[in-house]
Structures are given as structure tokens and as C-alpha cells.
Amino acid sequence: MSKLRRQLSANIPSVVEAKHLLDIKAKTGNLYESIAVIARRANQINISLKEELHNKLEEFASHTDSLEEIHENKEQIEISRAYEKMPNPAILATQEFMDDKVYYRNNDNDLFR
């Protein structure tokens, strides 16, 4: 398992848990700003996971289009299932945000975090 996947899925449930909106709002002072930060981080996580998955599956790619050579590869299926079981990027991003592991800044107020 890659370093990114271990880091992201460590002790994070793969199901959605309700969060108090006031707790989310307290991080930036504005609920919508907090949600925007979470959304941007979720997009970053999603892109990196997608690239990692495609790189791993590229090893199994066959460059011939013959129907006779197409077969199921058990390792490929296991890799795909492992990624499917991972928590959603939005869940990971929310957890990182609540644990103060996300760097963000507000250019309007010159606040750095």
C-alpha cells in the first residue's frame, strides 16, 4: 500500500459522519469558506488517488486489441477493490480540515494558516 493511501485512510471511517456546522464554521469564521477549503482539498486528494490508481493499472495494460488476449487479472481486480474500499476524498478532506492538517490562506485579510 502506498504512503499516500496509508496516510489518508489511517483511522478514518469510510462512512459519512455528521459534523456540527458550528465546528466547521469556527475554523475560518465562515461556513462557506470552510466548505470551499474542504472542497479544494478533496479535489486534490481525488486527483492524486486517480493518478496513483492509473499508474498501478497501467502495468497490467495490454497494448494489443485482440479479444483472445483479454483476461481477468486477479491482482488488477484486488488493486481496484482496495481503492473502492478507501474513504471518499470528501470524507478525507473534511477529517484533515477538522484536524488542522490543511494549509489555507485568505488573500483578502492576509490570514495565513
PDB file of N, CA and C in Angstrom:
ATOM      1  N   MET A   1       0.848  -1.172   0.000  1.00  0.00           N
ATOM      2  CA  MET A   1       0.000   0.000   0.000  1.00  0.00           C
ATOM      3  C   MET A   1       0.897   1.240   0.000  1.00  0.00           C
ATOM      4  N   SER A   2       0.531   2.219  -0.790  1.00  0.00           N
ATOM      5  CA  SER A   2       1.368   3.405  -0.931  1.00  0.00           C
ATOM      6  C   SER A   2       1.308   4.283   0.318  1.00  0.00           C
ATOM      7  N   LYS A   3       2.297   5.150   0.407  1.00  0.00           N
ATOM      8  CA  LYS A   3       2.378   6.065   1.550  1.00  0.00           C
ATOM      9  C   LYS A   3       1.159   6.976   1.599  1.00  0.00           C
ATOM     10  N   LEU A   4       0.722   7.454   0.438  1.00  0.00           N
ATOM     11  CA  LEU A   4      -0.442   8.338   0.372  1.00  0.00           C
ATOM     12  C   LEU A   4      -1.693   7.633   0.868  1.00  0.00           C
ATOM     13  N   ARG A   5      -1.922   6.404   0.411  1.00  0.00           N
ATOM     14  CA  ARG A   5      -3.116   5.684   0.829  1.00  0.00           C
ATOM     15  C   ARG A   5      -3.098   5.372   2.316  1.00  0.00           C
ATOM     16  N   ARG A   6      -1.927   5.002   2.853  1.00  0.00           N
ATOM     17  CA  ARG A   6      -1.837   4.728   4.290  1.00  0.00           C
ATOM     18  C   ARG A   6      -2.102   5.984   5.097  1.00  0.00           C
ATOM     19  N   GLN A   7      -1.542   7.082   4.645  1.00  0.00           N
ATOM     20  CA  GLN A   7      -1.710   8.353   5.348  1.00  0.00           C
ATOM     21  C   GLN A   7      -3.171   8.801   5.321  1.00  0.00           C
ATOM     22  N   LEU A   8      -3.813   8.647   4.189  1.00  0.00           N
ATOM     23  CA  LEU A   8      -5.165   9.153   4.031  1.00  0.00           C
ATOM     24  C   LEU A   8      -6.221   8.284   4.710  1.00  0.00           C
ATOM     25  N   SER A   9      -6.000   6.983   4.723  1.00  0.00           N
ATOM     26  CA  SER A   9      -7.035   6.109   5.255  1.00  0.00           C
ATOM     27  C   SER A   9      -6.770   5.638   6.682  1.00  0.00           C
ATOM     28  N   ALA A  10      -5.781   6.185   7.332  1.00  0.00           N
ATOM     29  CA  ALA A  10      -5.460   5.772   8.694  1.00  0.00           C
ATOM     30  C   ALA A  10      -6.537   6.246   9.669  1.00  0.00           C
ATOM     31  N   ASN A  11      -7.220   5.302  10.276  1.00  0.00           N
ATOM     32  CA  ASN A  11      -8.227   5.561  11.313  1.00  0.00           C
ATOM     33  C   ASN A  11      -9.340   6.500  10.857  1.00  0.00           C
ATOM     34  N   ILE A  12      -9.654   6.505   9.593  1.00  0.00           N
ATOM     35  CA  ILE A  12     -10.758   7.321   9.095  1.00  0.00           C
ATOM     36  C   ILE A  12     -11.841   6.375   8.602  1.00  0.00           C
ATOM     37  N   PRO A  13     -13.036   6.486   9.149  1.00  0.00           N
ATOM     38  CA  PRO A  13     -14.113   5.588   8.707  1.00  0.00           C
ATOM     39  C   PRO A  13     -14.506   5.893   7.264  1.00  0.00           C
ATOM     40  N   SER A  14     -14.944   4.883   6.541  1.00  0.00           N
ATOM     41  CA  SER A  14     -15.317   5.078   5.146  1.00  0.00           C
ATOM     42  C   SER A  14     -16.782   5.474   4.992  1.00  0.00           C
ATOM     43  N   VAL A  15     -17.464   5.716   6.101  1.00  0.00           N
ATOM     44  CA  VAL A  15     -18.852   6.163   6.039  1.00  0.00           C
ATOM     45  C   VAL A  15     -18.938   7.618   6.497  1.00  0.00           C
ATOM     46  N   VAL A  16     -19.945   8.294   6.035  1.00  0.00           N
ATOM     47  CA  VAL A  16     -20.118   9.704   6.366  1.00  0.00           C
ATOM     48  C   VAL A  16     -20.630   9.836   7.791  1.00  0.00           C
ATOM     49  N   GLU A  17     -20.005  10.726   8.554  1.00  0.00           N
ATOM     50  CA  GLU A  17     -20.464  11.024   9.907  1.00  0.00           C
ATOM     51  C   GLU A  17     -20.931  12.468   9.949  1.00  0.00           C
ATOM     52  N   ALA A  18     -21.972  12.725  10.702  1.00  0.00           N
ATOM     53  CA  ALA A  18     -22.487  14.089  10.818  1.00  0.00           C
ATOM     54  C   ALA A  18     -21.481  14.961  11.565  1.00  0.00           C
ATOM     55  N   LYS A  19     -21.312  16.172  11.092  1.00  0.00           N
ATOM     56  CA  LYS A  19     -20.419  17.138  11.733  1.00  0.00           C
ATOM     57  C   LYS A  19     -21.251  18.346  12.159  1.00  0.00           C
ATOM     58  N   HIS A  20     -20.864  18.976  13.236  1.00  0.00           N
ATOM     59  CA  HIS A  20     -21.538  20.183  13.682  1.00  0.00           C
ATOM     60  C   HIS A  20     -21.100  21.346  12.804  1.00  0.00           C
ATOM     61  N   LEU A  21     -22.057  22.035  12.238  1.00  0.00           N
ATOM     62  CA  LEU A  21     -21.736  23.150  11.356  1.00  0.00           C
ATOM     63  C   LEU A  21     -20.984  24.255  12.080  1.00  0.00           C
ATOM     64  N   LEU A  22     -21.276  24.436  13.350  1.00  0.00           N
ATOM     65  CA  LEU A  22     -20.577  25.471  14.111  1.00  0.00           C
ATOM     66  C   LEU A  22     -19.095  25.141  14.281  1.00  0.00           C
ATOM     67  N   ASP A  23     -18.765  23.845  14.377  1.00  0.00           N
ATOM     68  CA  ASP A  23     -17.361  23.440  14.465  1.00  0.00           C
ATOM     69  C   ASP A  23     -16.630  23.721  13.158  1.00  0.00           C
ATOM     70  N   ILE A  24     -17.308  23.450  12.053  1.00  0.00           N
ATOM     71  CA  ILE A  24     -16.712  23.716  10.744  1.00  0.00           C
ATOM     72  C   ILE A  24     -16.554  25.215  10.532  1.00  0.00           C
ATOM     73  N   LYS A  25     -17.569  25.966  10.918  1.00  0.00           N
ATOM     74  CA  LYS A  25     -17.533  27.420  10.761  1.00  0.00           C
ATOM     75  C   LYS A  25     -16.441  28.046  11.630  1.00  0.00           C
ATOM     76  N   ALA A  26     -16.194  27.481  12.796  1.00  0.00           N
ATOM     77  CA  ALA A  26     -15.228  28.051  13.735  1.00  0.00           C
ATOM     78  C   ALA A  26     -13.800  28.056  13.186  1.00  0.00           C
ATOM     79  N   LYS A  27     -13.490  27.179  12.263  1.00  0.00           N
ATOM     80  CA  LYS A  27     -12.132  27.095  11.718  1.00  0.00           C
ATOM     81  C   LYS A  27     -11.751  28.337  10.917  1.00  0.00           C
ATOM     82  N   THR A  28     -12.684  28.872  10.121  1.00  0.00           N
ATOM     83  CA  THR A  28     -12.374  30.037   9.279  1.00  0.00           C
ATOM     84  C   THR A  28     -13.215  31.253   9.630  1.00  0.00           C
ATOM     85  N   GLY A  29     -14.261  31.054  10.383  1.00  0.00           N
ATOM     86  CA  GLY A  29     -15.163  32.162  10.694  1.00  0.00           C
ATOM     87  C   GLY A  29     -16.323  32.271   9.714  1.00  0.00           C
ATOM     88  N   ASN A  30     -16.291  31.467   8.659  1.00  0.00           N
ATOM     89  CA  ASN A  30     -17.340  31.494   7.652  1.00  0.00           C
ATOM     90  C   ASN A  30     -17.574  30.064   7.174  1.00  0.00           C
ATOM     91  N   LEU A  31     -18.794  29.599   7.270  1.00  0.00           N
ATOM     92  CA  LEU A  31     -19.132  28.228   6.902  1.00  0.00           C
ATOM     93  C   LEU A  31     -18.826  27.963   5.436  1.00  0.00           C
ATOM     94  N   TYR A  32     -19.185  28.873   4.555  1.00  0.00           N
ATOM     95  CA  TYR A  32     -18.995  28.666   3.123  1.00  0.00           C
ATOM     96  C   TYR A  32     -17.515  28.666   2.743  1.00  0.00           C
ATOM     97  N   GLU A  33     -16.729  29.466   3.419  1.00  0.00           N
ATOM     98  CA  GLU A  33     -15.291  29.470   3.187  1.00  0.00           C
ATOM     99  C   GLU A  33     -14.684  28.143   3.632  1.00  0.00           C
ATOM    100  N   SER A  34     -15.135  27.637   4.762  1.00  0.00           N
ATOM    101  CA  SER A  34     -14.651  26.343   5.247  1.00  0.00           C
ATOM    102  C   SER A  34     -14.992  25.229   4.267  1.00  0.00           C
ATOM    103  N   ILE A  35     -16.202  25.257   3.743  1.00  0.00           N
ATOM    104  CA  ILE A  35     -16.624  24.236   2.784  1.00  0.00           C
ATOM    105  C   ILE A  35     -15.823  24.351   1.492  1.00  0.00           C
ATOM    106  N   ALA A  36     -15.505  25.572   1.076  1.00  0.00           N
ATOM    107  CA  ALA A  36     -14.693  25.768  -0.130  1.00  0.00           C
ATOM    108  C   ALA A  36     -13.292  25.198   0.066  1.00  0.00           C
ATOM    109  N   VAL A  37     -12.716  25.386   1.249  1.00  0.00           N
ATOM    110  CA  VAL A  37     -11.393  24.836   1.544  1.00  0.00           C
ATOM    111  C   VAL A  37     -11.445  23.310   1.503  1.00  0.00           C
ATOM    112  N   ILE A  38     -12.465  22.741   2.104  1.00  0.00           N
ATOM    113  CA  ILE A  38     -12.630  21.284   2.115  1.00  0.00           C
ATOM    114  C   ILE A  38     -12.799  20.763   0.694  1.00  0.00           C
ATOM    115  N   ALA A  39     -13.589  21.452  -0.118  1.00  0.00           N
ATOM    116  CA  ALA A  39     -13.829  21.015  -1.496  1.00  0.00           C
ATOM    117  C   ALA A  39     -12.546  21.044  -2.323  1.00  0.00           C
ATOM    118  N   ARG A  40     -11.752  22.082  -2.152  1.00  0.00           N
ATOM    119  CA  ARG A  40     -10.486  22.163  -2.896  1.00  0.00           C
ATOM    120  C   ARG A  40      -9.541  21.041  -2.491  1.00  0.00           C
ATOM    121  N   ARG A  41      -9.471  20.768  -1.199  1.00  0.00           N
ATOM    122  CA  ARG A  41      -8.604  19.687  -0.730  1.00  0.00           C
ATOM    123  C   ARG A  41      -9.110  18.337  -1.234  1.00  0.00           C
ATOM    124  N   ALA A  42     -10.428  18.139  -1.257  1.00  0.00           N
ATOM    125  CA  ALA A  42     -10.998  16.889  -1.759  1.00  0.00           C
ATOM    126  C   ALA A  42     -10.639  16.690  -3.230  1.00  0.00           C
ATOM    127  N   ASN A  43     -10.652  17.762  -4.007  1.00  0.00           N
ATOM    128  CA  ASN A  43     -10.253  17.663  -5.416  1.00  0.00           C
ATOM    129  C   ASN A  43      -8.787  17.277  -5.545  1.00  0.00           C
ATOM    130  N   GLN A  44      -7.924  17.843  -4.707  1.00  0.00           N
ATOM    131  CA  GLN A  44      -6.503  17.493  -4.732  1.00  0.00           C
ATOM    132  C   GLN A  44      -6.301  16.011  -4.404  1.00  0.00           C
ATOM    133  N   ILE A  45      -6.984  15.540  -3.377  1.00  0.00           N
ATOM    134  CA  ILE A  45      -6.872  14.137  -2.974  1.00  0.00           C
ATOM    135  C   ILE A  45      -7.364  13.236  -4.096  1.00  0.00           C
ATOM    136  N   ASN A  46      -8.497  13.601  -4.697  1.00  0.00           N
ATOM    137  CA  ASN A  46      -9.078  12.797  -5.762  1.00  0.00           C
ATOM    138  C   ASN A  46      -8.137  12.694  -6.956  1.00  0.00           C
ATOM    139  N   ILE A  47      -7.527  13.795  -7.334  1.00  0.00           N
ATOM    140  CA  ILE A  47      -6.604  13.788  -8.469  1.00  0.00           C
ATOM    141  C   ILE A  47      -5.400  12.902  -8.184  1.00  0.00           C
ATOM    142  N   SER A  48      -4.828  13.024  -6.988  1.00  0.00           N
ATOM    143  CA  SER A  48      -3.646  12.218  -6.678  1.00  0.00           C
ATOM    144  C   SER A  48      -3.984  10.730  -6.590  1.00  0.00           C
ATOM    145  N   LEU A  49      -5.126  10.386  -6.024  1.00  0.00           N
ATOM    146  CA  LEU A  49      -5.521   8.980  -5.949  1.00  0.00           C
ATOM    147  C   LEU A  49      -5.798   8.415  -7.344  1.00  0.00           C
ATOM    148  N   LYS A  50      -6.422   9.214  -8.180  1.00  0.00           N
ATOM    149  CA  LYS A  50      -6.730   8.761  -9.538  1.00  0.00           C
ATOM    150  C   LYS A  50      -5.442   8.527 -10.329  1.00  0.00           C
ATOM    151  N   GLU A  51      -4.473   9.423 -10.203  1.00  0.00           N
ATOM    152  CA  GLU A  51      -3.193   9.241 -10.885  1.00  0.00           C
ATOM    153  C   GLU A  51      -2.478   7.992 -10.382  1.00  0.00           C
ATOM    154  N   GLU A  52      -2.490   7.795  -9.076  1.00  0.00           N
ATOM    155  CA  GLU A  52      -1.837   6.628  -8.492  1.00  0.00           C
ATOM    156  C   GLU A  52      -2.488   5.337  -8.986  1.00  0.00           C
ATOM    157  N   LEU A  53      -3.810   5.307  -9.025  1.00  0.00           N
ATOM    158  CA  LEU A  53      -4.526   4.120  -9.487  1.00  0.00           C
ATOM    159  C   LEU A  53      -4.225   3.848 -10.954  1.00  0.00           C
ATOM    160  N   HIS A  54      -4.260   4.872 -11.774  1.00  0.00           N
ATOM    161  CA  HIS A  54      -3.983   4.675 -13.200  1.00  0.00           C
ATOM    162  C   HIS A  54      -2.546   4.202 -13.430  1.00  0.00           C
ATOM    163  N   ASN A  55      -1.604   4.708 -12.653  1.00  0.00           N
ATOM    164  CA  ASN A  55      -0.217   4.248 -12.783  1.00  0.00           C
ATOM    165  C   ASN A  55      -0.085   2.775 -12.419  1.00  0.00           C
ATOM    166  N   LYS A  56      -0.783   2.349 -11.379  1.00  0.00           N
ATOM    167  CA  LYS A  56      -0.722   0.939 -10.989  1.00  0.00           C
ATOM    168  C   LYS A  56      -1.405   0.043 -12.016  1.00  0.00           C
ATOM    169  N   LEU A  57      -2.527   0.506 -12.559  1.00  0.00           N
ATOM    170  CA  LEU A  57      -3.251  -0.312 -13.530  1.00  0.00           C
ATOM    171  C   LEU A  57      -2.568  -0.302 -14.896  1.00  0.00           C
ATOM    172  N   GLU A  58      -1.745   0.703 -15.149  1.00  0.00           N
ATOM    173  CA  GLU A  58      -1.010   0.778 -16.413  1.00  0.00           C
ATOM    174  C   GLU A  58      -0.060  -0.410 -16.565  1.00  0.00           C
ATOM    175  N   GLU A  59       0.434  -0.935 -15.460  1.00  0.00           N
ATOM    176  CA  GLU A  59       1.320  -2.093 -15.501  1.00  0.00           C
ATOM    177  C   GLU A  59       0.636  -3.299 -16.126  1.00  0.00           C
ATOM    178  N   PHE A  60      -0.676  -3.381 -15.991  1.00  0.00           N
ATOM    179  CA  PHE A  60      -1.422  -4.526 -16.489  1.00  0.00           C
ATOM    180  C   PHE A  60      -1.986  -4.293 -17.884  1.00  0.00           C
ATOM    181  N   ALA A  61      -1.797  -3.097 -18.420  1.00  0.00           N
ATOM    182  CA  ALA A  61      -2.390  -2.751 -19.708  1.00  0.00           C
ATOM    183  C   ALA A  61      -1.761  -3.570 -20.823  1.00  0.00           C
ATOM    184  N   SER A  62      -2.598  -4.038 -21.680  1.00  0.00           N
ATOM    185  CA  SER A  62      -2.168  -4.772 -22.855  1.00  0.00           C
ATOM    186  C   SER A  62      -2.303  -3.839 -24.046  1.00  0.00           C
ATOM    187  N   HIS A  63      -1.273  -3.764 -24.865  1.00  0.00           N
ATOM    188  CA  HIS A  63      -1.311  -2.831 -25.987  1.00  0.00           C
ATOM    189  C   HIS A  63      -1.794  -3.482 -27.270  1.00  0.00           C
ATOM    190  N   THR A  64      -2.275  -4.689 -27.146  1.00  0.00           N
ATOM    191  CA  THR A  64      -2.879  -5.351 -28.299  1.00  0.00           C
ATOM    192  C   THR A  64      -4.376  -5.411 -28.074  1.00  0.00           C
ATOM    193  N   ASP A  65      -5.121  -5.332 -29.136  1.00  0.00           N
ATOM    194  CA  ASP A  65      -6.579  -5.297 -29.026  1.00  0.00           C
ATOM    195  C   ASP A  65      -7.231  -6.618 -29.394  1.00  0.00           C
ATOM    196  N   SER A  66      -6.527  -7.681 -29.259  1.00  0.00           N
ATOM    197  CA  SER A  66      -7.074  -8.984 -29.584  1.00  0.00           C
ATOM    198  C   SER A  66      -8.001  -9.446 -28.463  1.00  0.00           C
ATOM    199  N   LEU A  67      -9.177  -9.908 -28.823  1.00  0.00           N
ATOM    200  CA  LEU A  67     -10.135 -10.383 -27.823  1.00  0.00           C
ATOM    201  C   LEU A  67      -9.641 -11.654 -27.141  1.00  0.00           C
ATOM    202  N   GLU A  68      -8.813 -12.405 -27.813  1.00  0.00           N
ATOM    203  CA  GLU A  68      -8.318 -13.644 -27.232  1.00  0.00           C
ATOM    204  C   GLU A  68      -7.365 -13.387 -26.065  1.00  0.00           C
ATOM    205  N   GLU A  69      -6.694 -12.240 -26.087  1.00  0.00           N
ATOM    206  CA  GLU A  69      -5.701 -11.950 -25.061  1.00  0.00           C
ATOM    207  C   GLU A  69      -6.271 -11.223 -23.858  1.00  0.00           C
ATOM    208  N   ILE A  70      -7.520 -10.826 -23.931  1.00  0.00           N
ATOM    209  CA  ILE A  70      -8.131 -10.129 -22.810  1.00  0.00           C
ATOM    210  C   ILE A  70      -8.548 -11.166 -21.773  1.00  0.00           C
ATOM    211  N   HIS A  71      -8.078 -11.003 -20.567  1.00  0.00           N
ATOM    212  CA  HIS A  71      -8.412 -11.928 -19.490  1.00  0.00           C
ATOM    213  C   HIS A  71      -8.424 -11.163 -18.171  1.00  0.00           C
ATOM    214  N   GLU A  72      -9.029 -11.740 -17.206  1.00  0.00           N
ATOM    215  CA  GLU A  72      -9.093 -11.111 -15.891  1.00  0.00           C
ATOM    216  C   GLU A  72      -7.780 -11.340 -15.151  1.00  0.00           C
ATOM    217  N   ASN A  73      -7.283 -10.298 -14.596  1.00  0.00           N
ATOM    218  CA  ASN A  73      -6.070 -10.395 -13.810  1.00  0.00           C
ATOM    219  C   ASN A  73      -6.467 -10.176 -12.351  1.00  0.00           C
ATOM    220  N   LYS A  74      -6.225 -11.161 -11.533  1.00  0.00           N
ATOM    221  CA  LYS A  74      -6.648 -11.094 -10.132  1.00  0.00           C
ATOM    222  C   LYS A  74      -5.962  -9.962  -9.375  1.00  0.00           C
ATOM    223  N   GLU A  75      -4.704  -9.682  -9.663  1.00  0.00           N
ATOM    224  CA  GLU A  75      -4.009  -8.580  -8.995  1.00  0.00           C
ATOM    225  C   GLU A  75      -4.645  -7.239  -9.344  1.00  0.00           C
ATOM    226  N   GLN A  76      -5.015  -7.088 -10.595  1.00  0.00           N
ATOM    227  CA  GLN A  76      -5.663  -5.860 -11.040  1.00  0.00           C
ATOM    228  C   GLN A  76      -7.002  -5.670 -10.338  1.00  0.00           C
ATOM    229  N   ILE A  77      -7.743  -6.737 -10.187  1.00  0.00           N
ATOM    230  CA  ILE A  77      -9.037  -6.676  -9.508  1.00  0.00           C
ATOM    231  C   ILE A  77      -8.845  -6.327  -8.038  1.00  0.00           C
ATOM    232  N   GLU A  78      -7.841  -6.894  -7.391  1.00  0.00           N
ATOM    233  CA  GLU A  78      -7.571  -6.601  -5.980  1.00  0.00           C
ATOM    234  C   GLU A  78      -7.184  -5.140  -5.781  1.00  0.00           C
ATOM    235  N   ILE A  79      -6.377  -4.593  -6.687  1.00  0.00           N
ATOM    236  CA  ILE A  79      -5.991  -3.184  -6.596  1.00  0.00           C
ATOM    237  C   ILE A  79      -7.225  -2.298  -6.730  1.00  0.00           C
ATOM    238  N   SER A  80      -8.077  -2.602  -7.687  1.00  0.00           N
ATOM    239  CA  SER A  80      -9.293  -1.807  -7.891  1.00  0.00           C
ATOM    240  C   SER A  80     -10.207  -1.874  -6.673  1.00  0.00           C
ATOM    241  N   ARG A  81     -10.351  -3.045  -6.105  1.00  0.00           N
ATOM    242  CA  ARG A  81     -11.200  -3.189  -4.921  1.00  0.00           C
ATOM    243  C   ARG A  81     -10.635  -2.433  -3.723  1.00  0.00           C
ATOM    244  N   ALA A  82      -9.320  -2.434  -3.571  1.00  0.00           N
ATOM    245  CA  ALA A  82      -8.699  -1.704  -2.462  1.00  0.00           C
ATOM    246  C   ALA A  82      -8.990  -0.221  -2.579  1.00  0.00           C
ATOM    247  N   TYR A  83      -8.947   0.313  -3.780  1.00  0.00           N
ATOM    248  CA  TYR A  83      -9.251   1.731  -3.967  1.00  0.00           C
ATOM    249  C   TYR A  83     -10.726   2.023  -3.775  1.00  0.00           C
ATOM    250  N   GLU A  84     -11.571   1.082  -4.126  1.00  0.00           N
ATOM    251  CA  GLU A  84     -13.012   1.267  -3.919  1.00  0.00           C
ATOM    252  C   GLU A  84     -13.367   1.284  -2.441  1.00  0.00           C
ATOM    253  N   LYS A  85     -12.628   0.553  -1.621  1.00  0.00           N
ATOM    254  CA  LYS A  85     -12.908   0.483  -0.187  1.00  0.00           C
ATOM    255  C   LYS A  85     -12.399   1.700   0.574  1.00  0.00           C
ATOM    256  N   MET A  86     -11.547   2.483  -0.059  1.00  0.00           N
ATOM    257  CA  MET A  86     -10.996   3.665   0.612  1.00  0.00           C
ATOM    258  C   MET A  86     -12.096   4.685   0.870  1.00  0.00           C
ATOM    259  N   PRO A  87     -11.925   5.505   1.910  1.00  0.00           N
ATOM    260  CA  PRO A  87     -12.905   6.564   2.165  1.00  0.00           C
ATOM    261  C   PRO A  87     -12.951   7.557   1.012  1.00  0.00           C
ATOM    262  N   ASN A  88     -14.101   8.149   0.849  1.00  0.00           N
ATOM    263  CA  ASN A  88     -14.320   9.162  -0.172  1.00  0.00           C
ATOM    264  C   ASN A  88     -13.367  10.338   0.057  1.00  0.00           C
ATOM    265  N   PRO A  89     -12.837  10.964  -1.004  1.00  0.00           N
ATOM    266  CA  PRO A  89     -11.950  12.119  -0.824  1.00  0.00           C
ATOM    267  C   PRO A  89     -12.581  13.257  -0.019  1.00  0.00           C
ATOM    268  N   ALA A  90     -13.881  13.435  -0.111  1.00  0.00           N
ATOM    269  CA  ALA A  90     -14.546  14.485   0.672  1.00  0.00           C
ATOM    270  C   ALA A  90     -14.493  14.165   2.167  1.00  0.00           C
ATOM    271  N   ILE A  91     -14.615  12.896   2.517  1.00  0.00           N
ATOM    272  CA  ILE A  91     -14.523  12.486   3.917  1.00  0.00           C
ATOM    273  C   ILE A  91     -13.099  12.712   4.426  1.00  0.00           C
ATOM    274  N   LEU A  92     -12.118  12.333   3.601  1.00  0.00           N
ATOM    275  CA  LEU A  92     -10.716  12.529   3.980  1.00  0.00           C
ATOM    276  C   LEU A  92     -10.394  14.013   4.148  1.00  0.00           C
ATOM    277  N   ALA A  93     -10.867  14.830   3.213  1.00  0.00           N
ATOM    278  CA  ALA A  93     -10.589  16.265   3.271  1.00  0.00           C
ATOM    279  C   ALA A  93     -11.245  16.900   4.492  1.00  0.00           C
ATOM    280  N   THR A  94     -12.457  16.497   4.810  1.00  0.00           N
ATOM    281  CA  THR A  94     -13.141  17.032   5.986  1.00  0.00           C
ATOM    282  C   THR A  94     -12.389  16.669   7.256  1.00  0.00           C
ATOM    283  N   GLN A  95     -11.929  15.436   7.347  1.00  0.00           N
ATOM    284  CA  GLN A  95     -11.188  14.999   8.527  1.00  0.00           C
ATOM    285  C   GLN A  95      -9.878  15.770   8.661  1.00  0.00           C
ATOM    286  N   GLU A  96      -9.173  15.953   7.551  1.00  0.00           N
ATOM    287  CA  GLU A  96      -7.932  16.729   7.581  1.00  0.00           C
ATOM    288  C   GLU A  96      -8.201  18.160   8.024  1.00  0.00           C
ATOM    289  N   PHE A  97      -9.273  18.741   7.520  1.00  0.00           N
ATOM    290  CA  PHE A  97      -9.619  20.117   7.870  1.00  0.00           C
ATOM    291  C   PHE A  97      -9.934  20.241   9.354  1.00  0.00           C
ATOM    292  N   MET A  98     -10.691  19.298   9.877  1.00  0.00           N
ATOM    293  CA  MET A  98     -11.059  19.346  11.288  1.00  0.00           C
ATOM    294  C   MET A  98      -9.849  19.090  12.197  1.00  0.00           C
ATOM    295  N   ASP A  99      -8.857  18.348  11.694  1.00  0.00           N
ATOM    296  CA  ASP A  99      -7.644  18.064  12.476  1.00  0.00           C
ATOM    297  C   ASP A  99      -6.558  19.115  12.248  1.00  0.00           C
ATOM    298  N   ASP A 100      -6.883  20.194  11.571  1.00  0.00           N
ATOM    299  CA  ASP A 100      -5.938  21.286  11.267  1.00  0.00           C
ATOM    300  C   ASP A 100      -4.721  20.808  10.496  1.00  0.00           C
ATOM    301  N   LYS A 101      -4.915  19.910   9.548  1.00  0.00           N
ATOM    302  CA  LYS A 101      -3.828  19.406   8.718  1.00  0.00           C
ATOM    303  C   LYS A 101      -3.839  20.034   7.328  1.00  0.00           C
ATOM    304  N   VAL A 102      -4.740  20.985   7.094  1.00  0.00           N
ATOM    305  CA  VAL A 102      -4.866  21.624   5.785  1.00  0.00           C
ATOM    306  C   VAL A 102      -4.345  23.044   5.883  1.00  0.00           C
ATOM    307  N   TYR A 103      -3.448  23.398   4.957  1.00  0.00           N
ATOM    308  CA  TYR A 103      -2.941  24.761   4.890  1.00  0.00           C
ATOM    309  C   TYR A 103      -3.845  25.550   3.952  1.00  0.00           C
ATOM    310  N   TYR A 104      -4.310  26.679   4.391  1.00  0.00           N
ATOM    311  CA  TYR A 104      -5.111  27.557   3.543  1.00  0.00           C
ATOM    312  C   TYR A 104      -4.840  28.985   3.963  1.00  0.00           C
ATOM    313  N   ARG A 105      -5.139  29.899   3.067  1.00  0.00           N
ATOM    314  CA  ARG A 105      -4.969  31.305   3.403  1.00  0.00           C
ATOM    315  C   ARG A 105      -6.064  32.115   2.733  1.00  0.00           C
ATOM    316  N   ASN A 106      -6.366  33.233   3.347  1.00  0.00           N
ATOM    317  CA  ASN A 106      -7.367  34.151   2.824  1.00  0.00           C
ATOM    318  C   ASN A 106      -6.625  35.372   2.309  1.00  0.00           C
ATOM    319  N   ASN A 107      -6.585  35.543   1.013  1.00  0.00           N
ATOM    320  CA  ASN A 107      -5.839  36.651   0.422  1.00  0.00           C
ATOM    321  C   ASN A 107      -6.441  38.002   0.753  1.00  0.00           C
ATOM    322  N   ASP A 108      -7.740  38.040   1.045  1.00  0.00           N
ATOM    323  CA  ASP A 108      -8.380  39.325   1.350  1.00  0.00           C
ATOM    324  C   ASP A 108      -7.909  39.891   2.669  1.00  0.00           C
ATOM    325  N   ASN A 109      -7.766  39.046   3.676  1.00  0.00           N
ATOM    326  CA  ASN A 109      -7.391  39.507   5.011  1.00  0.00           C
ATOM    327  C   ASN A 109      -5.934  39.222   5.357  1.00  0.00           C
ATOM    328  N   ASP A 110      -5.187  38.643   4.408  1.00  0.00           N
ATOM    329  CA  ASP A 110      -3.796  38.260   4.655  1.00  0.00           C
ATOM    330  C   ASP A 110      -3.659  37.339   5.856  1.00  0.00           C
ATOM    331  N   LEU A 111      -4.629  36.462   6.033  1.00  0.00           N
ATOM    332  CA  LEU A 111      -4.560  35.455   7.103  1.00  0.00           C
ATOM    333  C   LEU A 111      -3.838  34.239   6.558  1.00  0.00           C
ATOM    334  N   PHE A 112      -2.909  33.719   7.293  1.00  0.00           N
ATOM    335  CA  PHE A 112      -2.210  32.524   6.876  1.00  0.00           C
ATOM    336  C   PHE A 112      -2.479  31.432   7.881  1.00  0.00           C
ATOM    337  N   ARG A 113      -2.620  30.240   7.367  1.00  0.00           N
ATOM    338  CA  ARG A 113      -2.922  29.113   8.238  1.00  0.00           C
ATOM    339  C   ARG A 113      -2.072  27.962   7.814  1.00  0.00           C
TER     340      ARG A 113
END
